[in-house]
Amino acid sequence: MAHRQRNQKKEHGATDAPRYRVRGVRRDPVDISKLSKALIGLVTAEAEREAQAEHARQTDDDSEHQGITGESPGIGGDSDA
């Protein structure tokens, strides 16, 4: 029964998204360099995820269109010669 409980925890806790842990340390003055690097990293990661999703959407759309409009007439074409 303990084995079953362990497997359930793994199934429910698994996610595809990375988890970020933030620990606040109050500084005076604020470390703008660290703050800007963290913000740039987050924005870059989000832009990369969006670009991958857009690429996947375009790839899916292209494969659907090839099945419908990608038919070739074959050797010789449709000419009435």
PDB file of N, CA and C in Angstrom:
ATOM      1  N   MET A   1       0.818  -1.181   0.000  1.00  0.00           N
ATOM      2  CA  MET A   1       0.000   0.000   0.000  1.00  0.00           C
ATOM      3  C   MET A   1       0.871   1.258   0.000  1.00  0.00           C
ATOM      4  N   ALA A   2       2.017   1.222   0.656  1.00  0.00           N
ATOM      5  CA  ALA A   2       2.914   2.373   0.666  1.00  0.00           C
ATOM      6  C   ALA A   2       3.443   2.636  -0.737  1.00  0.00           C
ATOM      7  N   HIS A   3       3.689   1.574  -1.497  1.00  0.00           N
ATOM      8  CA  HIS A   3       4.164   1.719  -2.871  1.00  0.00           C
ATOM      9  C   HIS A   3       3.130   2.444  -3.721  1.00  0.00           C
ATOM     10  N   ARG A   4       1.886   2.141  -3.500  1.00  0.00           N
ATOM     11  CA  ARG A   4       0.801   2.769  -4.257  1.00  0.00           C
ATOM     12  C   ARG A   4       0.718   4.267  -3.952  1.00  0.00           C
ATOM     13  N   GLN A   5       0.874   4.633  -2.695  1.00  0.00           N
ATOM     14  CA  GLN A   5       0.816   6.035  -2.317  1.00  0.00           C
ATOM     15  C   GLN A   5       1.975   6.817  -2.929  1.00  0.00           C
ATOM     16  N   ARG A   6       3.154   6.223  -3.003  1.00  0.00           N
ATOM     17  CA  ARG A   6       4.303   6.893  -3.591  1.00  0.00           C
ATOM     18  C   ARG A   6       4.070   7.176  -5.068  1.00  0.00           C
ATOM     19  N   ASN A   7       3.510   6.213  -5.793  1.00  0.00           N
ATOM     20  CA  ASN A   7       3.247   6.400  -7.214  1.00  0.00           C
ATOM     21  C   ASN A   7       2.202   7.485  -7.447  1.00  0.00           C
ATOM     22  N   GLN A   8       1.201   7.561  -6.590  1.00  0.00           N
ATOM     23  CA  GLN A   8       0.174   8.580  -6.736  1.00  0.00           C
ATOM     24  C   GLN A   8       0.757   9.967  -6.559  1.00  0.00           C
ATOM     25  N   LYS A   9       1.675  10.129  -5.626  1.00  0.00           N
ATOM     26  CA  LYS A   9       2.287  11.430  -5.403  1.00  0.00           C
ATOM     27  C   LYS A   9       3.083  11.858  -6.629  1.00  0.00           C
ATOM     28  N   LYS A  10       3.784  10.947  -7.256  1.00  0.00           N
ATOM     29  CA  LYS A  10       4.575  11.276  -8.434  1.00  0.00           C
ATOM     30  C   LYS A  10       3.673  11.676  -9.590  1.00  0.00           C
ATOM     31  N   GLU A  11       2.565  10.981  -9.763  1.00  0.00           N
ATOM     32  CA  GLU A  11       1.660  11.284 -10.868  1.00  0.00           C
ATOM     33  C   GLU A  11       1.019  12.647 -10.694  1.00  0.00           C
ATOM     34  N   HIS A  12       0.610  12.988  -9.504  1.00  0.00           N
ATOM     35  CA  HIS A  12      -0.089  14.238  -9.279  1.00  0.00           C
ATOM     36  C   HIS A  12       0.871  15.421  -9.241  1.00  0.00           C
ATOM     37  N   GLY A  13       2.109  15.200  -8.876  1.00  0.00           N
ATOM     38  CA  GLY A  13       3.056  16.296  -8.744  1.00  0.00           C
ATOM     39  C   GLY A  13       3.816  16.599 -10.018  1.00  0.00           C
ATOM     40  N   ALA A  14       3.709  15.768 -11.049  1.00  0.00           N
ATOM     41  CA  ALA A  14       4.478  15.977 -12.265  1.00  0.00           C
ATOM     42  C   ALA A  14       3.842  17.062 -13.123  1.00  0.00           C
ATOM     43  N   THR A  15       4.660  18.022 -13.541  1.00  0.00           N
ATOM     44  CA  THR A  15       4.206  19.065 -14.451  1.00  0.00           C
ATOM     45  C   THR A  15       5.280  19.286 -15.499  1.00  0.00           C
ATOM     46  N   ASP A  16       4.879  19.823 -16.643  1.00  0.00           N
ATOM     47  CA  ASP A  16       5.832  20.110 -17.695  1.00  0.00           C
ATOM     48  C   ASP A  16       6.519  21.453 -17.494  1.00  0.00           C
ATOM     49  N   ALA A  17       5.860  22.361 -16.812  1.00  0.00           N
ATOM     50  CA  ALA A  17       6.407  23.696 -16.623  1.00  0.00           C
ATOM     51  C   ALA A  17       7.489  23.684 -15.548  1.00  0.00           C
ATOM     52  N   PRO A  18       8.566  24.428 -15.775  1.00  0.00           N
ATOM     53  CA  PRO A  18       9.599  24.498 -14.734  1.00  0.00           C
ATOM     54  C   PRO A  18       9.088  25.290 -13.541  1.00  0.00           C
ATOM     55  N   ARG A  19       9.579  24.948 -12.386  1.00  0.00           N
ATOM     56  CA  ARG A  19       9.166  25.653 -11.176  1.00  0.00           C
ATOM     57  C   ARG A  19      10.286  26.594 -10.754  1.00  0.00           C
ATOM     58  N   TYR A  20       9.901  27.814 -10.430  1.00  0.00           N
ATOM     59  CA  TYR A  20      10.859  28.808  -9.988  1.00  0.00           C
ATOM     60  C   TYR A  20      10.623  29.081  -8.518  1.00  0.00           C
ATOM     61  N   ARG A  21      11.710  29.207  -7.801  1.00  0.00           N
ATOM     62  CA  ARG A  21      11.620  29.499  -6.385  1.00  0.00           C
ATOM     63  C   ARG A  21      12.307  30.841  -6.160  1.00  0.00           C
ATOM     64  N   VAL A  22      11.596  31.751  -5.551  1.00  0.00           N
ATOM     65  CA  VAL A  22      12.122  33.087  -5.330  1.00  0.00           C
ATOM     66  C   VAL A  22      12.219  33.323  -3.836  1.00  0.00           C
ATOM     67  N   ARG A  23      13.375  33.771  -3.424  1.00  0.00           N
ATOM     68  CA  ARG A  23      13.578  34.093  -2.016  1.00  0.00           C
ATOM     69  C   ARG A  23      13.965  35.560  -1.941  1.00  0.00           C
ATOM     70  N   GLY A  24      13.189  36.313  -1.258  1.00  0.00           N
ATOM     71  CA  GLY A  24      13.434  37.745  -1.176  1.00  0.00           C
ATOM     72  C   GLY A  24      14.471  38.083  -0.129  1.00  0.00           C
ATOM     73  N   VAL A  25      15.402  38.924  -0.524  1.00  0.00           N
ATOM     74  CA  VAL A  25      16.386  39.454   0.409  1.00  0.00           C
ATOM     75  C   VAL A  25      16.349  40.965   0.246  1.00  0.00           C
ATOM     76  N   ARG A  26      15.958  41.644   1.288  1.00  0.00           N
ATOM     77  CA  ARG A  26      15.817  43.100   1.200  1.00  0.00           C
ATOM     78  C   ARG A  26      17.199  43.744   1.236  1.00  0.00           C
ATOM     79  N   ARG A  27      17.463  44.541   0.212  1.00  0.00           N
ATOM     80  CA  ARG A  27      18.737  45.248   0.140  1.00  0.00           C
ATOM     81  C   ARG A  27      18.472  46.733  -0.048  1.00  0.00           C
ATOM     82  N   ASP A  28      19.322  47.510   0.505  1.00  0.00           N
ATOM     83  CA  ASP A  28      19.196  48.949   0.342  1.00  0.00           C
ATOM     84  C   ASP A  28      20.575  49.482   0.015  1.00  0.00           C
ATOM     85  N   PRO A  29      20.855  49.895  -1.157  1.00  0.00           N
ATOM     86  CA  PRO A  29      19.979  50.095  -2.316  1.00  0.00           C
ATOM     87  C   PRO A  29      19.713  48.777  -3.043  1.00  0.00           C
ATOM     88  N   VAL A  30      18.699  48.793  -3.885  1.00  0.00           N
ATOM     89  CA  VAL A  30      18.291  47.612  -4.643  1.00  0.00           C
ATOM     90  C   VAL A  30      19.387  47.267  -5.646  1.00  0.00           C
ATOM     91  N   ASP A  31      19.665  45.953  -5.799  1.00  0.00           N
ATOM     92  CA  ASP A  31      20.678  45.502  -6.762  1.00  0.00           C
ATOM     93  C   ASP A  31      20.028  45.438  -8.148  1.00  0.00           C
ATOM     94  N   ILE A  32      20.090  46.544  -8.870  1.00  0.00           N
ATOM     95  CA  ILE A  32      19.452  46.667 -10.184  1.00  0.00           C
ATOM     96  C   ILE A  32      20.051  45.676 -11.171  1.00  0.00           C
ATOM     97  N   SER A  33      21.314  45.397 -11.078  1.00  0.00           N
ATOM     98  CA  SER A  33      21.966  44.476 -12.005  1.00  0.00           C
ATOM     99  C   SER A  33      21.364  43.074 -11.893  1.00  0.00           C
ATOM    100  N   LYS A  34      21.228  42.555 -10.679  1.00  0.00           N
ATOM    101  CA  LYS A  34      20.637  41.226 -10.479  1.00  0.00           C
ATOM    102  C   LYS A  34      19.174  41.211 -10.885  1.00  0.00           C
ATOM    103  N   LEU A  35      18.453  42.260 -10.542  1.00  0.00           N
ATOM    104  CA  LEU A  35      17.043  42.346 -10.875  1.00  0.00           C
ATOM    105  C   LEU A  35      16.837  42.362 -12.388  1.00  0.00           C
ATOM    106  N   SER A  36      17.656  43.127 -13.093  1.00  0.00           N
ATOM    107  CA  SER A  36      17.517  43.200 -14.551  1.00  0.00           C
ATOM    108  C   SER A  36      17.885  41.879 -15.213  1.00  0.00           C
ATOM    109  N   LYS A  37      18.915  41.197 -14.724  1.00  0.00           N
ATOM    110  CA  LYS A  37      19.285  39.895 -15.291  1.00  0.00           C
ATOM    111  C   LYS A  37      18.169  38.876 -15.101  1.00  0.00           C
ATOM    112  N   ALA A  38      17.537  38.888 -13.945  1.00  0.00           N
ATOM    113  CA  ALA A  38      16.444  37.955 -13.685  1.00  0.00           C
ATOM    114  C   ALA A  38      15.251  38.255 -14.589  1.00  0.00           C
ATOM    115  N   LEU A  39      14.934  39.526 -14.751  1.00  0.00           N
ATOM    116  CA  LEU A  39      13.811  39.918 -15.606  1.00  0.00           C
ATOM    117  C   LEU A  39      14.079  39.564 -17.067  1.00  0.00           C
ATOM    118  N   ILE A  40      15.280  39.823 -17.542  1.00  0.00           N
ATOM    119  CA  ILE A  40      15.640  39.483 -18.921  1.00  0.00           C
ATOM    120  C   ILE A  40      15.568  37.971 -19.131  1.00  0.00           C
ATOM    121  N   GLY A  41      16.007  37.197 -18.168  1.00  0.00           N
ATOM    122  CA  GLY A  41      15.938  35.738 -18.265  1.00  0.00           C
ATOM    123  C   GLY A  41      14.505  35.238 -18.362  1.00  0.00           C
ATOM    124  N   LEU A  42      13.614  35.810 -17.557  1.00  0.00           N
ATOM    125  CA  LEU A  42      12.205  35.413 -17.595  1.00  0.00           C
ATOM    126  C   LEU A  42      11.560  35.776 -18.926  1.00  0.00           C
ATOM    127  N   VAL A  43      11.828  36.975 -19.426  1.00  0.00           N
ATOM    128  CA  VAL A  43      11.240  37.413 -20.685  1.00  0.00           C
ATOM    129  C   VAL A  43      11.775  36.578 -21.844  1.00  0.00           C
ATOM    130  N   THR A  44      13.062  36.266 -21.828  1.00  0.00           N
ATOM    131  CA  THR A  44      13.657  35.436 -22.875  1.00  0.00           C
ATOM    132  C   THR A  44      13.057  34.040 -22.880  1.00  0.00           C
ATOM    133  N   ALA A  45      12.873  33.462 -21.722  1.00  0.00           N
ATOM    134  CA  ALA A  45      12.288  32.126 -21.625  1.00  0.00           C
ATOM    135  C   ALA A  45      10.844  32.133 -22.126  1.00  0.00           C
ATOM    136  N   GLU A  46      10.093  33.165 -21.785  1.00  0.00           N
ATOM    137  CA  GLU A  46       8.705  33.256 -22.242  1.00  0.00           C
ATOM    138  C   GLU A  46       8.642  33.425 -23.759  1.00  0.00           C
ATOM    139  N   ALA A  47       9.528  34.251 -24.324  1.00  0.00           N
ATOM    140  CA  ALA A  47       9.553  34.454 -25.773  1.00  0.00           C
ATOM    141  C   ALA A  47       9.924  33.160 -26.492  1.00  0.00           C
ATOM    142  N   GLU A  48      10.826  32.392 -25.928  1.00  0.00           N
ATOM    143  CA  GLU A  48      11.220  31.116 -26.531  1.00  0.00           C
ATOM    144  C   GLU A  48      10.050  30.134 -26.528  1.00  0.00           C
ATOM    145  N   ARG A  49       9.315  30.072 -25.418  1.00  0.00           N
ATOM    146  CA  ARG A  49       8.147  29.188 -25.357  1.00  0.00           C
ATOM    147  C   ARG A  49       7.094  29.600 -26.388  1.00  0.00           C
ATOM    148  N   GLU A  50       6.871  30.897 -26.521  1.00  0.00           N
ATOM    149  CA  GLU A  50       5.892  31.373 -27.499  1.00  0.00           C
ATOM    150  C   GLU A  50       6.334  31.061 -28.925  1.00  0.00           C
ATOM    151  N   ALA A  51       7.626  31.224 -29.211  1.00  0.00           N
ATOM    152  CA  ALA A  51       8.142  30.932 -30.549  1.00  0.00           C
ATOM    153  C   ALA A  51       8.005  29.448 -30.871  1.00  0.00           C
ATOM    154  N   GLN A  52       8.277  28.585 -29.893  1.00  0.00           N
ATOM    155  CA  GLN A  52       8.136  27.146 -30.114  1.00  0.00           C
ATOM    156  C   GLN A  52       6.673  26.779 -30.348  1.00  0.00           C
ATOM    157  N   ALA A  53       5.775  27.395 -29.607  1.00  0.00           N
ATOM    158  CA  ALA A  53       4.345  27.116 -29.787  1.00  0.00           C
ATOM    159  C   ALA A  53       3.887  27.586 -31.165  1.00  0.00           C
ATOM    160  N   GLU A  54       4.331  28.754 -31.601  1.00  0.00           N
ATOM    161  CA  GLU A  54       3.969  29.269 -32.924  1.00  0.00           C
ATOM    162  C   GLU A  54       4.518  28.366 -34.021  1.00  0.00           C
ATOM    163  N   HIS A  55       5.744  27.909 -33.862  1.00  0.00           N
ATOM    164  CA  HIS A  55       6.346  27.009 -34.848  1.00  0.00           C
ATOM    165  C   HIS A  55       5.570  25.694 -34.925  1.00  0.00           C
ATOM    166  N   ALA A  56       5.163  25.187 -33.766  1.00  0.00           N
ATOM    167  CA  ALA A  56       4.383  23.951 -33.742  1.00  0.00           C
ATOM    168  C   ALA A  56       3.032  24.149 -34.429  1.00  0.00           C
ATOM    169  N   ARG A  57       2.397  25.307 -34.197  1.00  0.00           N
ATOM    170  CA  ARG A  57       1.123  25.599 -34.859  1.00  0.00           C
ATOM    171  C   ARG A  57       1.300  25.685 -36.367  1.00  0.00           C
ATOM    172  N   GLN A  58       2.354  26.358 -36.821  1.00  0.00           N
ATOM    173  CA  GLN A  58       2.589  26.491 -38.255  1.00  0.00           C
ATOM    174  C   GLN A  58       2.895  25.133 -38.883  1.00  0.00           C
ATOM    175  N   THR A  59       3.640  24.309 -38.196  1.00  0.00           N
ATOM    176  CA  THR A  59       3.971  22.979 -38.697  1.00  0.00           C
ATOM    177  C   THR A  59       2.702  22.139 -38.823  1.00  0.00           C
ATOM    178  N   ASP A  60       1.818  22.234 -37.833  1.00  0.00           N
ATOM    179  CA  ASP A  60       0.552  21.497 -37.886  1.00  0.00           C
ATOM    180  C   ASP A  60      -0.317  22.000 -39.031  1.00  0.00           C
ATOM    181  N   ASP A  61      -0.382  23.318 -39.226  1.00  0.00           N
ATOM    182  CA  ASP A  61      -1.174  23.886 -40.307  1.00  0.00           C
ATOM    183  C   ASP A  61      -0.632  23.465 -41.663  1.00  0.00           C
ATOM    184  N   ASP A  62       0.690  23.464 -41.817  1.00  0.00           N
ATOM    185  CA  ASP A  62       1.303  23.072 -43.079  1.00  0.00           C
ATOM    186  C   ASP A  62       1.011  21.615 -43.411  1.00  0.00           C
ATOM    187  N   SER A  63       1.071  20.751 -42.420  1.00  0.00           N
ATOM    188  CA  SER A  63       0.823  19.331 -42.669  1.00  0.00           C
ATOM    189  C   SER A  63      -0.639  19.090 -43.036  1.00  0.00           C
ATOM    190  N   GLU A  64      -1.561  19.866 -42.472  1.00  0.00           N
ATOM    191  CA  GLU A  64      -2.980  19.721 -42.821  1.00  0.00           C
ATOM    192  C   GLU A  64      -3.234  20.188 -44.248  1.00  0.00           C
ATOM    193  N   HIS A  65      -2.607  21.302 -44.646  1.00  0.00           N
ATOM    194  CA  HIS A  65      -2.808  21.830 -45.989  1.00  0.00           C
ATOM    195  C   HIS A  65      -2.198  20.922 -47.049  1.00  0.00           C
ATOM    196  N   GLN A  66      -1.112  20.277 -46.751  1.00  0.00           N
ATOM    197  CA  GLN A  66      -0.482  19.376 -47.720  1.00  0.00           C
ATOM    198  C   GLN A  66      -1.383  18.188 -48.011  1.00  0.00           C
ATOM    199  N   GLY A  67      -2.105  17.736 -47.047  1.00  0.00           N
ATOM    200  CA  GLY A  67      -3.013  16.617 -47.263  1.00  0.00           C
ATOM    201  C   GLY A  67      -4.179  16.982 -48.152  1.00  0.00           C
ATOM    202  N   ILE A  68      -4.599  18.240 -48.123  1.00  0.00           N
ATOM    203  CA  ILE A  68      -5.761  18.678 -48.904  1.00  0.00           C
ATOM    204  C   ILE A  68      -5.336  19.216 -50.265  1.00  0.00           C
ATOM    205  N   THR A  69      -4.385  20.156 -50.274  1.00  0.00           N
ATOM    206  CA  THR A  69      -4.019  20.820 -51.525  1.00  0.00           C
ATOM    207  C   THR A  69      -2.709  20.322 -52.102  1.00  0.00           C
ATOM    208  N   GLY A  70      -2.049  19.412 -51.465  1.00  0.00           N
ATOM    209  CA  GLY A  70      -0.751  18.957 -51.920  1.00  0.00           C
ATOM    210  C   GLY A  70      -0.816  17.846 -52.942  1.00  0.00           C
ATOM    211  N   GLU A  71      -1.962  17.598 -53.509  1.00  0.00           N
ATOM    212  CA  GLU A  71      -2.096  16.513 -54.481  1.00  0.00           C
ATOM    213  C   GLU A  71      -1.491  16.961 -55.814  1.00  0.00           C
ATOM    214  N   SER A  72      -0.652  16.130 -56.385  1.00  0.00           N
ATOM    215  CA  SER A  72      -0.068  16.447 -57.680  1.00  0.00           C
ATOM    216  C   SER A  72      -0.772  15.621 -58.746  1.00  0.00           C
ATOM    217  N   PRO A  73      -0.921  16.161 -59.971  1.00  0.00           N
ATOM    218  CA  PRO A  73      -1.640  15.452 -61.017  1.00  0.00           C
ATOM    219  C   PRO A  73      -0.903  14.221 -61.526  1.00  0.00           C
ATOM    220  N   GLY A  74       0.348  14.073 -61.169  1.00  0.00           N
ATOM    221  CA  GLY A  74       1.108  12.907 -61.610  1.00  0.00           C
ATOM    222  C   GLY A  74       1.933  13.229 -62.859  1.00  0.00           C
ATOM    223  N   ILE A  75       2.520  12.222 -63.456  1.00  0.00           N
ATOM    224  CA  ILE A  75       3.358  12.427 -64.633  1.00  0.00           C
ATOM    225  C   ILE A  75       2.463  12.783 -65.815  1.00  0.00           C
ATOM    226  N   GLY A  76       2.833  13.843 -66.521  1.00  0.00           N
ATOM    227  CA  GLY A  76       2.063  14.252 -67.679  1.00  0.00           C
ATOM    228  C   GLY A  76       1.027  15.307 -67.382  1.00  0.00           C
ATOM    229  N   GLY A  77       0.613  15.455 -66.156  1.00  0.00           N
ATOM    230  CA  GLY A  77      -0.315  16.504 -65.775  1.00  0.00           C
ATOM    231  C   GLY A  77      -1.716  16.255 -66.304  1.00  0.00           C
ATOM    232  N   ASP A  78      -2.490  17.347 -66.413  1.00  0.00           N
ATOM    233  CA  ASP A  78      -3.877  17.280 -66.866  1.00  0.00           C
ATOM    234  C   ASP A  78      -4.028  17.721 -68.319  1.00  0.00           C
ATOM    235  N   SER A  79      -2.974  17.703 -69.083  1.00  0.00           N
ATOM    236  CA  SER A  79      -3.061  18.213 -70.460  1.00  0.00           C
ATOM    237  C   SER A  79      -3.841  17.238 -71.343  1.00  0.00           C
ATOM    238  N   ASP A  80      -4.561  17.782 -72.344  1.00  0.00           N
ATOM    239  CA  ASP A  80      -5.359  16.985 -73.252  1.00  0.00           C
ATOM    240  C   ASP A  80      -4.630  16.784 -74.587  1.00  0.00           C
ATOM    241  N   ALA A  81      -3.351  16.559 -74.592  1.00  0.00           N
ATOM    242  CA  ALA A  81      -2.566  16.459 -75.822  1.00  0.00           C
ATOM    243  C   ALA A  81      -2.762  15.209 -76.570  1.00  0.00           C
TER     244      ALA A  81
END
